[in-house]
Amino acid sequence: MIKPKSKIDKINKVTDRATKLCQHLKSFARKSDDVCQPISLKTTICNALELFTETLPVDAVSVDVPSNLLVMANEIRLEQVFVNLISNSIDAIERVEVTRPAVIQIVAKKHAGQITIQLSDNGCGMSNSQRQRIFEPFYTTKEVGKGLGLGMSITHNIVHDFGGTIHIASQLDQGTEVTLCLNTTSCS
């Protein structure tokens, strides 16, 4: 029999999670002012990760991003980039047989006025032909009904709007690595 206190604890936990999700959704729904300013990369990544606390495998994510790294971007739009990338990584690791532990790594380093962010997973990966089309609108590697094929196109455009670059390396059944380069001083 479940004790009343444990039911209350569970209700409180679900309520806290719903509150956090609503706060994130309100941020995304808010019209972005498109102003680029220095923002904390680590905070933005952590905010994006919070949306996936229920769907991320336990201990699957490692974040190696110094707290002092600032990038020139719009916080809401950059969070959208990371939500898209993390969502794709989760989907990729879920499509792999459970023979290896799921891994998503996010690493960032500063070099010559730019921040390089690498987000990698050991998921299902993509073929070369899939990788070449990944930024096309309405192209998806997901099953029918599982995605619209807009996430990576939107991600590419947002990164480009910030004056940055995005590159994808992937191998079937090995995983994918997305490399973003963002400016520390100005957006284009």
N, C-alpha and C. Protein backbone atom coordinates (compact mmCIF):
# COMPACT_ATOMS: atom_id res chain seq x y z
N MET A 1 0.84 -1.18 0.00
CA MET A 1 0.00 0.00 0.00
C MET A 1 0.89 1.25 0.00
N ILE A 2 0.53 2.21 -0.81
CA ILE A 2 1.28 3.46 -0.90
C ILE A 2 0.87 4.38 0.25
N LYS A 3 1.85 4.91 0.93
CA LYS A 3 1.58 5.80 2.05
C LYS A 3 1.13 7.16 1.54
N PRO A 4 0.23 7.83 2.27
CA PRO A 4 -0.26 9.16 1.86
C PRO A 4 0.88 10.16 1.66
N LYS A 5 1.93 10.10 2.51
CA LYS A 5 3.03 11.05 2.38
C LYS A 5 3.74 10.87 1.04
N SER A 6 3.94 9.61 0.60
CA SER A 6 4.62 9.39 -0.68
C SER A 6 3.77 9.88 -1.85
N LYS A 7 2.45 9.78 -1.73
CA LYS A 7 1.56 10.31 -2.77
C LYS A 7 1.70 11.84 -2.84
N ILE A 8 1.74 12.47 -1.69
CA ILE A 8 1.89 13.93 -1.64
C ILE A 8 3.24 14.34 -2.22
N ASP A 9 4.29 13.61 -1.88
CA ASP A 9 5.62 13.91 -2.43
C ASP A 9 5.61 13.78 -3.95
N LYS A 10 4.95 12.74 -4.45
CA LYS A 10 4.87 12.53 -5.90
C LYS A 10 4.09 13.67 -6.56
N ILE A 11 2.98 14.06 -5.96
CA ILE A 11 2.17 15.17 -6.49
C ILE A 11 3.00 16.45 -6.51
N ASN A 12 3.74 16.72 -5.44
CA ASN A 12 4.59 17.91 -5.39
C ASN A 12 5.66 17.88 -6.47
N LYS A 13 6.25 16.72 -6.71
CA LYS A 13 7.28 16.59 -7.74
C LYS A 13 6.69 16.86 -9.13
N VAL A 14 5.54 16.27 -9.41
CA VAL A 14 4.88 16.47 -10.70
C VAL A 14 4.48 17.94 -10.87
N THR A 15 3.99 18.56 -9.82
CA THR A 15 3.59 19.96 -9.88
C THR A 15 4.81 20.86 -10.15
N ASP A 16 5.93 20.59 -9.47
CA ASP A 16 7.15 21.36 -9.72
C ASP A 16 7.60 21.21 -11.17
N ARG A 17 7.55 20.00 -11.69
CA ARG A 17 7.96 19.75 -13.08
C ARG A 17 7.04 20.50 -14.03
N ALA A 18 5.73 20.46 -13.79
CA ALA A 18 4.77 21.17 -14.65
C ALA A 18 5.03 22.68 -14.61
N THR A 19 5.36 23.20 -13.45
CA THR A 19 5.67 24.63 -13.32
C THR A 19 6.88 24.99 -14.16
N LYS A 20 7.94 24.19 -14.07
CA LYS A 20 9.15 24.45 -14.86
C LYS A 20 8.86 24.38 -16.36
N LEU A 21 8.09 23.37 -16.77
CA LEU A 21 7.74 23.25 -18.19
C LEU A 21 6.94 24.45 -18.67
N CYS A 22 5.98 24.90 -17.86
CA CYS A 22 5.18 26.08 -18.24
C CYS A 22 6.06 27.32 -18.37
N GLN A 23 7.03 27.47 -17.47
CA GLN A 23 7.92 28.63 -17.56
C GLN A 23 8.73 28.58 -18.86
N HIS A 24 9.22 27.40 -19.23
CA HIS A 24 9.96 27.27 -20.49
C HIS A 24 9.06 27.55 -21.69
N LEU A 25 7.85 27.00 -21.66
CA LEU A 25 6.94 27.21 -22.77
C LEU A 25 6.57 28.68 -22.91
N LYS A 26 6.40 29.37 -21.80
CA LYS A 26 6.12 30.80 -21.85
C LYS A 26 7.29 31.55 -22.48
N SER A 27 8.50 31.14 -22.16
CA SER A 27 9.68 31.78 -22.76
C SER A 27 9.71 31.57 -24.26
N PHE A 28 9.45 30.33 -24.69
CA PHE A 28 9.45 30.04 -26.13
C PHE A 28 8.31 30.76 -26.85
N ALA A 29 7.16 30.87 -26.21
CA ALA A 29 6.00 31.49 -26.84
C ALA A 29 6.17 33.00 -26.97
N ARG A 30 6.97 33.56 -26.07
CA ARG A 30 7.20 35.01 -26.09
C ARG A 30 7.88 35.38 -27.40
N LYS A 31 7.43 36.46 -28.02
CA LYS A 31 8.06 36.91 -29.25
C LYS A 31 9.46 37.38 -28.92
N SER A 32 10.40 36.82 -29.62
CA SER A 32 11.79 37.18 -29.41
C SER A 32 12.05 38.56 -29.98
N ASP A 33 12.86 39.34 -29.27
CA ASP A 33 13.19 40.67 -29.77
C ASP A 33 14.37 40.62 -30.74
N ASP A 34 14.92 39.42 -30.96
CA ASP A 34 16.03 39.19 -31.89
C ASP A 34 17.28 39.99 -31.56
N VAL A 35 17.37 40.56 -30.38
CA VAL A 35 18.55 41.31 -29.98
C VAL A 35 19.63 40.33 -29.54
N CYS A 36 20.81 40.49 -30.13
CA CYS A 36 21.95 39.69 -29.72
C CYS A 36 22.65 40.41 -28.58
N GLN A 37 22.99 39.65 -27.57
CA GLN A 37 23.71 40.20 -26.44
C GLN A 37 24.54 39.07 -25.83
N PRO A 38 25.49 39.40 -24.98
CA PRO A 38 26.27 38.34 -24.35
C PRO A 38 25.38 37.52 -23.41
N ILE A 39 25.34 36.22 -23.63
CA ILE A 39 24.55 35.34 -22.76
C ILE A 39 25.40 34.16 -22.30
N SER A 40 25.06 33.64 -21.16
CA SER A 40 25.78 32.50 -20.61
C SER A 40 25.43 31.24 -21.38
N LEU A 41 26.44 30.65 -21.99
CA LEU A 41 26.23 29.43 -22.76
C LEU A 41 25.77 28.28 -21.85
N LYS A 42 26.42 28.13 -20.71
CA LYS A 42 26.08 27.02 -19.81
C LYS A 42 24.65 27.14 -19.29
N THR A 43 24.23 28.35 -18.92
CA THR A 43 22.86 28.55 -18.44
C THR A 43 21.86 28.19 -19.52
N THR A 44 22.12 28.60 -20.75
CA THR A 44 21.22 28.32 -21.86
C THR A 44 21.11 26.82 -22.10
N ILE A 45 22.24 26.12 -22.08
CA ILE A 45 22.23 24.67 -22.28
C ILE A 45 21.48 23.98 -21.13
N CYS A 46 21.75 24.40 -19.91
CA CYS A 46 21.05 23.79 -18.75
C CYS A 46 19.55 24.03 -18.80
N ASN A 47 19.14 25.22 -19.24
CA ASN A 47 17.71 25.51 -19.39
C ASN A 47 17.08 24.58 -20.43
N ALA A 48 17.78 24.34 -21.52
CA ALA A 48 17.27 23.43 -22.55
C ALA A 48 17.18 22.01 -22.01
N LEU A 49 18.20 21.58 -21.28
CA LEU A 49 18.20 20.22 -20.72
C LEU A 49 17.07 20.00 -19.73
N GLU A 50 16.68 21.04 -19.00
CA GLU A 50 15.59 20.90 -18.03
C GLU A 50 14.29 20.42 -18.66
N LEU A 51 14.10 20.72 -19.93
CA LEU A 51 12.88 20.30 -20.60
C LEU A 51 12.83 18.78 -20.79
N PHE A 52 13.98 18.13 -20.67
CA PHE A 52 14.05 16.70 -20.97
C PHE A 52 14.31 15.83 -19.74
N THR A 53 14.09 16.35 -18.56
CA THR A 53 14.43 15.58 -17.36
C THR A 53 13.68 14.25 -17.26
N GLU A 54 12.50 14.17 -17.84
CA GLU A 54 11.73 12.92 -17.77
C GLU A 54 12.08 11.96 -18.90
N THR A 55 12.65 12.45 -20.01
CA THR A 55 12.91 11.59 -21.16
C THR A 55 14.38 11.22 -21.31
N LEU A 56 15.26 11.90 -20.61
CA LEU A 56 16.68 11.58 -20.71
C LEU A 56 17.00 10.35 -19.88
N PRO A 57 17.75 9.42 -20.46
CA PRO A 57 18.18 8.27 -19.67
C PRO A 57 19.06 8.74 -18.50
N VAL A 58 18.96 8.04 -17.39
CA VAL A 58 19.73 8.40 -16.19
C VAL A 58 21.23 8.42 -16.52
N ASP A 59 21.89 9.47 -16.11
CA ASP A 59 23.34 9.63 -16.28
C ASP A 59 23.80 9.59 -17.74
N ALA A 60 22.92 9.86 -18.70
CA ALA A 60 23.31 9.80 -20.11
C ALA A 60 24.01 11.07 -20.57
N VAL A 61 23.78 12.19 -19.90
CA VAL A 61 24.28 13.47 -20.39
C VAL A 61 25.46 13.95 -19.55
N SER A 62 26.51 14.37 -20.26
CA SER A 62 27.61 15.05 -19.57
C SER A 62 27.79 16.41 -20.22
N VAL A 63 27.93 17.43 -19.38
CA VAL A 63 28.09 18.80 -19.86
C VAL A 63 29.42 19.33 -19.35
N ASP A 64 30.31 19.65 -20.28
CA ASP A 64 31.61 20.23 -19.94
C ASP A 64 31.68 21.61 -20.58
N VAL A 65 31.01 22.56 -19.94
CA VAL A 65 30.93 23.93 -20.45
C VAL A 65 31.30 24.87 -19.31
N PRO A 66 32.40 25.58 -19.44
CA PRO A 66 32.78 26.52 -18.38
C PRO A 66 31.68 27.57 -18.14
N SER A 67 31.46 27.90 -16.89
CA SER A 67 30.40 28.85 -16.52
C SER A 67 30.64 30.25 -17.05
N ASN A 68 31.88 30.59 -17.33
CA ASN A 68 32.21 31.96 -17.75
C ASN A 68 32.13 32.18 -19.26
N LEU A 69 31.75 31.16 -20.04
CA LEU A 69 31.68 31.35 -21.49
C LEU A 69 30.42 32.12 -21.87
N LEU A 70 30.62 33.23 -22.56
CA LEU A 70 29.51 34.04 -23.06
C LEU A 70 29.54 34.03 -24.58
N VAL A 71 28.38 33.91 -25.20
CA VAL A 71 28.27 34.00 -26.65
C VAL A 71 27.31 35.13 -26.99
N MET A 72 27.53 35.70 -28.16
CA MET A 72 26.62 36.75 -28.65
C MET A 72 25.46 36.06 -29.35
N ALA A 73 24.29 36.15 -28.74
CA ALA A 73 23.13 35.48 -29.29
C ALA A 73 21.87 36.04 -28.65
N ASN A 74 20.74 35.56 -29.12
CA ASN A 74 19.46 35.82 -28.48
C ASN A 74 19.15 34.59 -27.64
N GLU A 75 18.95 34.79 -26.36
CA GLU A 75 18.83 33.66 -25.43
C GLU A 75 17.71 32.69 -25.81
N ILE A 76 16.54 33.19 -26.16
CA ILE A 76 15.40 32.33 -26.48
C ILE A 76 15.70 31.52 -27.73
N ARG A 77 16.26 32.17 -28.74
CA ARG A 77 16.54 31.46 -29.99
C ARG A 77 17.67 30.45 -29.82
N LEU A 78 18.69 30.78 -29.01
CA LEU A 78 19.77 29.82 -28.80
C LEU A 78 19.27 28.62 -27.98
N GLU A 79 18.39 28.86 -27.03
CA GLU A 79 17.81 27.75 -26.28
C GLU A 79 17.03 26.84 -27.23
N GLN A 80 16.34 27.43 -28.20
CA GLN A 80 15.61 26.64 -29.19
C GLN A 80 16.58 25.74 -29.97
N VAL A 81 17.76 26.26 -30.31
CA VAL A 81 18.78 25.47 -31.00
C VAL A 81 19.13 24.24 -30.17
N PHE A 82 19.42 24.46 -28.89
CA PHE A 82 19.81 23.33 -28.05
C PHE A 82 18.67 22.36 -27.79
N VAL A 83 17.45 22.87 -27.68
CA VAL A 83 16.30 21.98 -27.53
C VAL A 83 16.19 21.08 -28.76
N ASN A 84 16.33 21.64 -29.95
CA ASN A 84 16.27 20.85 -31.18
C ASN A 84 17.38 19.80 -31.22
N LEU A 85 18.61 20.21 -30.90
CA LEU A 85 19.75 19.29 -30.97
C LEU A 85 19.65 18.18 -29.92
N ILE A 86 19.28 18.53 -28.70
CA ILE A 86 19.15 17.54 -27.64
C ILE A 86 18.00 16.57 -27.96
N SER A 87 16.91 17.10 -28.46
CA SER A 87 15.78 16.25 -28.84
C SER A 87 16.19 15.23 -29.90
N ASN A 88 16.96 15.67 -30.89
CA ASN A 88 17.44 14.76 -31.93
C ASN A 88 18.37 13.70 -31.35
N SER A 89 19.24 14.10 -30.41
CA SER A 89 20.14 13.13 -29.79
C SER A 89 19.36 12.09 -28.99
N ILE A 90 18.35 12.54 -28.26
CA ILE A 90 17.53 11.60 -27.48
C ILE A 90 16.85 10.62 -28.42
N ASP A 91 16.29 11.12 -29.51
CA ASP A 91 15.64 10.25 -30.50
C ASP A 91 16.65 9.24 -31.06
N ALA A 92 17.87 9.69 -31.35
CA ALA A 92 18.89 8.81 -31.93
C ALA A 92 19.32 7.72 -30.97
N ILE A 93 19.47 8.05 -29.69
CA ILE A 93 19.91 7.01 -28.75
C ILE A 93 18.77 6.05 -28.40
N GLU A 94 17.53 6.52 -28.55
CA GLU A 94 16.40 5.64 -28.30
C GLU A 94 16.21 4.63 -29.43
N ARG A 95 16.76 4.92 -30.61
CA ARG A 95 16.61 4.03 -31.76
C ARG A 95 17.72 2.98 -31.83
N VAL A 96 18.56 2.93 -30.81
CA VAL A 96 19.66 1.96 -30.76
C VAL A 96 19.28 0.86 -29.79
N GLU A 97 19.69 -0.36 -30.13
CA GLU A 97 19.45 -1.47 -29.21
C GLU A 97 20.14 -1.18 -27.88
N VAL A 98 19.63 -1.74 -26.82
CA VAL A 98 20.10 -1.44 -25.48
C VAL A 98 21.41 -2.17 -25.14
N THR A 99 22.25 -2.43 -26.12
CA THR A 99 23.49 -3.16 -25.88
C THR A 99 24.62 -2.26 -25.37
N ARG A 100 24.44 -0.96 -25.47
CA ARG A 100 25.45 -0.03 -24.96
C ARG A 100 24.76 1.10 -24.22
N PRO A 101 25.43 1.66 -23.22
CA PRO A 101 24.80 2.77 -22.49
C PRO A 101 24.67 4.01 -23.38
N ALA A 102 23.56 4.70 -23.23
CA ALA A 102 23.32 5.93 -24.00
C ALA A 102 24.23 7.04 -23.50
N VAL A 103 24.80 7.79 -24.44
CA VAL A 103 25.70 8.88 -24.08
C VAL A 103 25.39 10.11 -24.93
N ILE A 104 25.20 11.24 -24.26
CA ILE A 104 25.11 12.55 -24.93
C ILE A 104 26.13 13.43 -24.23
N GLN A 105 27.05 13.99 -25.00
CA GLN A 105 28.08 14.86 -24.43
C GLN A 105 27.99 16.24 -25.05
N ILE A 106 28.12 17.26 -24.20
CA ILE A 106 28.16 18.64 -24.67
C ILE A 106 29.44 19.26 -24.11
N VAL A 107 30.31 19.69 -25.00
CA VAL A 107 31.61 20.26 -24.62
C VAL A 107 31.76 21.60 -25.34
N ALA A 108 32.24 22.60 -24.62
CA ALA A 108 32.46 23.92 -25.24
C ALA A 108 33.83 24.45 -24.86
N LYS A 109 34.46 25.12 -25.82
CA LYS A 109 35.77 25.73 -25.61
C LYS A 109 35.84 27.05 -26.35
N LYS A 110 36.63 27.96 -25.80
CA LYS A 110 36.84 29.26 -26.44
C LYS A 110 38.16 29.22 -27.19
N HIS A 111 38.13 29.80 -28.43
CA HIS A 111 39.34 29.86 -29.22
C HIS A 111 39.22 31.03 -30.21
N ALA A 112 40.12 31.97 -30.12
CA ALA A 112 40.24 33.08 -31.08
C ALA A 112 38.91 33.81 -31.33
N GLY A 113 38.25 34.27 -30.26
CA GLY A 113 37.03 35.06 -30.41
C GLY A 113 35.79 34.26 -30.75
N GLN A 114 35.91 32.94 -30.74
CA GLN A 114 34.75 32.09 -31.01
C GLN A 114 34.64 31.02 -29.93
N ILE A 115 33.41 30.56 -29.75
CA ILE A 115 33.15 29.43 -28.87
C ILE A 115 32.76 28.27 -29.76
N THR A 116 33.43 27.14 -29.57
CA THR A 116 33.09 25.92 -30.29
C THR A 116 32.35 25.01 -29.32
N ILE A 117 31.17 24.59 -29.74
CA ILE A 117 30.35 23.70 -28.93
C ILE A 117 30.18 22.41 -29.71
N GLN A 118 30.50 21.29 -29.07
CA GLN A 118 30.30 19.99 -29.70
C GLN A 118 29.27 19.22 -28.90
N LEU A 119 28.21 18.83 -29.58
CA LEU A 119 27.17 18.00 -28.98
C LEU A 119 27.21 16.67 -29.71
N SER A 120 27.56 15.61 -28.98
CA SER A 120 27.68 14.30 -29.62
C SER A 120 26.83 13.27 -28.89
N ASP A 121 26.44 12.25 -29.64
CA ASP A 121 25.69 11.13 -29.07
C ASP A 121 26.20 9.84 -29.70
N ASN A 122 25.88 8.74 -29.05
CA ASN A 122 26.24 7.44 -29.60
C ASN A 122 25.00 6.71 -30.09
N GLY A 123 24.12 7.48 -30.72
CA GLY A 123 22.86 6.95 -31.22
C GLY A 123 23.00 6.26 -32.56
N CYS A 124 21.90 6.22 -33.29
CA CYS A 124 21.82 5.46 -34.54
C CYS A 124 22.62 6.06 -35.68
N GLY A 125 22.96 7.35 -35.59
CA GLY A 125 23.74 7.99 -36.65
C GLY A 125 22.94 8.16 -37.93
N MET A 126 23.62 8.68 -38.94
CA MET A 126 22.99 8.93 -40.24
C MET A 126 23.92 8.47 -41.35
N SER A 127 23.33 8.13 -42.47
CA SER A 127 24.13 7.84 -43.65
C SER A 127 24.64 9.16 -44.23
N ASN A 128 25.59 9.08 -45.13
CA ASN A 128 26.14 10.28 -45.76
C ASN A 128 25.05 11.04 -46.53
N SER A 129 24.17 10.32 -47.22
CA SER A 129 23.11 10.99 -47.99
C SER A 129 22.11 11.68 -47.05
N GLN A 130 21.81 11.07 -45.90
CA GLN A 130 20.93 11.72 -44.93
C GLN A 130 21.59 12.97 -44.37
N ARG A 131 22.85 12.88 -44.02
CA ARG A 131 23.58 14.00 -43.45
C ARG A 131 23.62 15.18 -44.42
N GLN A 132 23.77 14.90 -45.70
CA GLN A 132 23.84 15.98 -46.70
C GLN A 132 22.52 16.73 -46.83
N ARG A 133 21.42 16.11 -46.46
CA ARG A 133 20.10 16.74 -46.60
C ARG A 133 19.54 17.27 -45.29
N ILE A 134 20.26 17.10 -44.19
CA ILE A 134 19.69 17.31 -42.86
C ILE A 134 19.19 18.74 -42.62
N PHE A 135 19.72 19.73 -43.32
CA PHE A 135 19.28 21.11 -43.11
C PHE A 135 18.15 21.53 -44.06
N GLU A 136 17.71 20.63 -44.92
CA GLU A 136 16.61 20.95 -45.84
C GLU A 136 15.29 21.00 -45.06
N PRO A 137 14.46 22.01 -45.35
CA PRO A 137 13.15 22.06 -44.69
C PRO A 137 12.33 20.82 -45.05
N PHE A 138 11.63 20.29 -44.07
CA PHE A 138 10.73 19.14 -44.18
C PHE A 138 11.44 17.82 -44.45
N TYR A 139 12.76 17.79 -44.29
CA TYR A 139 13.48 16.52 -44.40
C TYR A 139 13.69 15.97 -42.99
N THR A 140 13.35 14.71 -42.79
CA THR A 140 13.53 14.09 -41.47
C THR A 140 14.02 12.66 -41.62
N THR A 141 14.79 12.21 -40.65
CA THR A 141 15.22 10.82 -40.61
C THR A 141 14.32 10.02 -39.67
N LYS A 142 13.36 10.70 -39.06
CA LYS A 142 12.47 10.05 -38.09
C LYS A 142 11.33 9.34 -38.81
N GLU A 143 10.68 8.45 -38.08
CA GLU A 143 9.52 7.74 -38.61
C GLU A 143 8.41 8.73 -38.95
N VAL A 144 7.52 8.33 -39.87
CA VAL A 144 6.38 9.16 -40.25
C VAL A 144 5.58 9.48 -39.00
N GLY A 145 5.24 10.74 -38.83
CA GLY A 145 4.46 11.18 -37.69
C GLY A 145 5.28 11.53 -36.46
N LYS A 146 6.59 11.32 -36.51
CA LYS A 146 7.45 11.59 -35.35
C LYS A 146 8.18 12.94 -35.46
N GLY A 147 8.16 13.55 -36.61
CA GLY A 147 8.83 14.83 -36.77
C GLY A 147 8.41 15.50 -38.06
N LEU A 148 8.47 16.83 -38.06
CA LEU A 148 8.09 17.58 -39.25
C LEU A 148 9.25 17.81 -40.20
N GLY A 149 10.47 17.65 -39.70
CA GLY A 149 11.63 17.92 -40.54
C GLY A 149 11.97 19.40 -40.59
N LEU A 150 11.59 20.15 -39.57
CA LEU A 150 11.90 21.58 -39.54
C LEU A 150 12.97 21.95 -38.52
N GLY A 151 13.19 21.10 -37.53
CA GLY A 151 14.10 21.43 -36.44
C GLY A 151 15.50 21.79 -36.87
N MET A 152 16.10 20.99 -37.73
CA MET A 152 17.48 21.26 -38.15
C MET A 152 17.56 22.42 -39.13
N SER A 153 16.52 22.62 -39.93
CA SER A 153 16.48 23.77 -40.83
C SER A 153 16.41 25.06 -40.00
N ILE A 154 15.55 25.07 -39.00
CA ILE A 154 15.43 26.23 -38.11
C ILE A 154 16.73 26.44 -37.36
N THR A 155 17.31 25.36 -36.84
CA THR A 155 18.58 25.44 -36.11
C THR A 155 19.66 26.06 -36.97
N HIS A 156 19.78 25.59 -38.20
CA HIS A 156 20.78 26.12 -39.14
C HIS A 156 20.59 27.61 -39.35
N ASN A 157 19.33 28.02 -39.57
CA ASN A 157 19.06 29.44 -39.82
C ASN A 157 19.35 30.31 -38.60
N ILE A 158 19.01 29.83 -37.41
CA ILE A 158 19.28 30.61 -36.20
C ILE A 158 20.78 30.78 -36.01
N VAL A 159 21.53 29.68 -36.13
CA VAL A 159 22.99 29.76 -35.97
C VAL A 159 23.59 30.70 -37.00
N HIS A 160 23.12 30.62 -38.23
CA HIS A 160 23.59 31.52 -39.29
C HIS A 160 23.26 32.98 -38.96
N ASP A 161 22.04 33.22 -38.44
CA ASP A 161 21.65 34.59 -38.05
C ASP A 161 22.58 35.16 -36.97
N PHE A 162 23.12 34.30 -36.12
CA PHE A 162 24.07 34.74 -35.08
C PHE A 162 25.47 34.95 -35.64
N GLY A 163 25.66 34.68 -36.93
CA GLY A 163 26.99 34.80 -37.52
C GLY A 163 27.85 33.58 -37.25
N GLY A 164 27.21 32.49 -36.87
CA GLY A 164 27.94 31.27 -36.54
C GLY A 164 27.84 30.23 -37.63
N THR A 165 28.42 29.07 -37.35
CA THR A 165 28.38 27.95 -38.29
C THR A 165 27.94 26.70 -37.54
N ILE A 166 27.43 25.75 -38.31
CA ILE A 166 27.03 24.45 -37.77
C ILE A 166 27.51 23.38 -38.75
N HIS A 167 28.10 22.33 -38.20
CA HIS A 167 28.61 21.23 -39.02
C HIS A 167 28.19 19.92 -38.36
N ILE A 168 27.86 18.92 -39.19
CA ILE A 168 27.43 17.63 -38.67
C ILE A 168 28.36 16.55 -39.21
N ALA A 169 28.84 15.71 -38.30
CA ALA A 169 29.57 14.50 -38.67
C ALA A 169 28.78 13.33 -38.09
N SER A 170 28.61 12.27 -38.88
CA SER A 170 27.80 11.16 -38.41
C SER A 170 28.17 9.88 -39.13
N GLN A 171 28.00 8.77 -38.43
CA GLN A 171 28.18 7.45 -39.02
C GLN A 171 27.03 6.57 -38.55
N LEU A 172 26.50 5.80 -39.47
CA LEU A 172 25.42 4.88 -39.12
C LEU A 172 25.86 3.96 -37.99
N ASP A 173 24.98 3.76 -37.05
CA ASP A 173 25.19 2.87 -35.90
C ASP A 173 26.35 3.28 -35.00
N GLN A 174 26.89 4.47 -35.18
CA GLN A 174 28.00 4.95 -34.35
C GLN A 174 27.63 6.21 -33.57
N GLY A 175 26.84 7.07 -34.19
CA GLY A 175 26.45 8.31 -33.53
C GLY A 175 26.65 9.53 -34.40
N THR A 176 26.41 10.67 -33.78
CA THR A 176 26.46 11.95 -34.49
C THR A 176 27.15 12.99 -33.63
N GLU A 177 27.90 13.86 -34.28
CA GLU A 177 28.52 14.99 -33.58
C GLU A 177 28.15 16.27 -34.33
N VAL A 178 27.53 17.18 -33.59
CA VAL A 178 27.16 18.49 -34.14
C VAL A 178 28.14 19.50 -33.56
N THR A 179 28.77 20.28 -34.43
CA THR A 179 29.72 21.30 -33.99
C THR A 179 29.17 22.67 -34.35
N LEU A 180 28.98 23.50 -33.32
CA LEU A 180 28.55 24.88 -33.51
C LEU A 180 29.73 25.79 -33.23
N CYS A 181 29.91 26.83 -34.02
CA CYS A 181 30.88 27.88 -33.72
C CYS A 181 30.09 29.17 -33.61
N LEU A 182 30.19 29.81 -32.45
CA LEU A 182 29.46 31.05 -32.20
C LEU A 182 30.43 32.14 -31.78
N ASN A 183 30.09 33.37 -32.11
CA ASN A 183 30.95 34.51 -31.79
C ASN A 183 30.81 34.94 -30.34
N THR A 184 31.90 35.53 -29.83
CA THR A 184 31.87 36.07 -28.47
C THR A 184 31.72 37.59 -28.49
N THR A 185 31.82 38.21 -29.68
CA THR A 185 31.82 39.67 -29.72
C THR A 185 30.66 40.28 -30.48
N SER A 186 30.14 39.66 -31.52
CA SER A 186 29.04 40.27 -32.26
C SER A 186 28.29 39.25 -33.07
N CYS A 187 27.04 39.59 -33.40
CA CYS A 187 26.25 38.78 -34.32
C CYS A 187 26.31 39.47 -35.68
N SER A 188 25.99 38.73 -36.72
CA SER A 188 26.03 39.35 -38.05
C SER A 188 24.75 40.11 -38.33
